Amino acid sequence: MALDLVRASLDDDVPSTPAVLDEPATVAEVIAAYEEIAKIVAALVTRASESSLQRTVPFLIAPRQRADVPLLDIMWLMLMDSIHHRGQLSVYVRMAGGRVPSIYGPSADEPWL
């Protein structure tokens, strides 16, 4: 959904209703989809002009409420949301008795020293 908004916004064609993708059936499909989307977004951002990143696009800010938000702000939101969820996953790994990898630096399970 967010990828459709970024792609359309950078191509000056903002969708009124973002597409909903089918849910991946396996972890391998999740990983493949994430990697594919990351490559697409990186390519789009690389070729984007400053003005296309600063333009505003309609974005949901509350239930049934849209506002015009700069595309670059939405992209930062997407990045911070990914970081947040990665942190959540590290907590869940620990709670399930797993080893927490050194995601943002050393962890108790993977010290750097």
Foldseek 3Di string as FASTA:
>chain_A
DLLLQLVCLQVVHGDPDDDDDDDDPDPVVVVVVVVVSVVVNVVSVVPGDPVSQQFWDWDDPDVVDTDTDRNVVVVVVVVVVVVVVVVVVLVVCVVVVHARCQDPAADPRRHPD
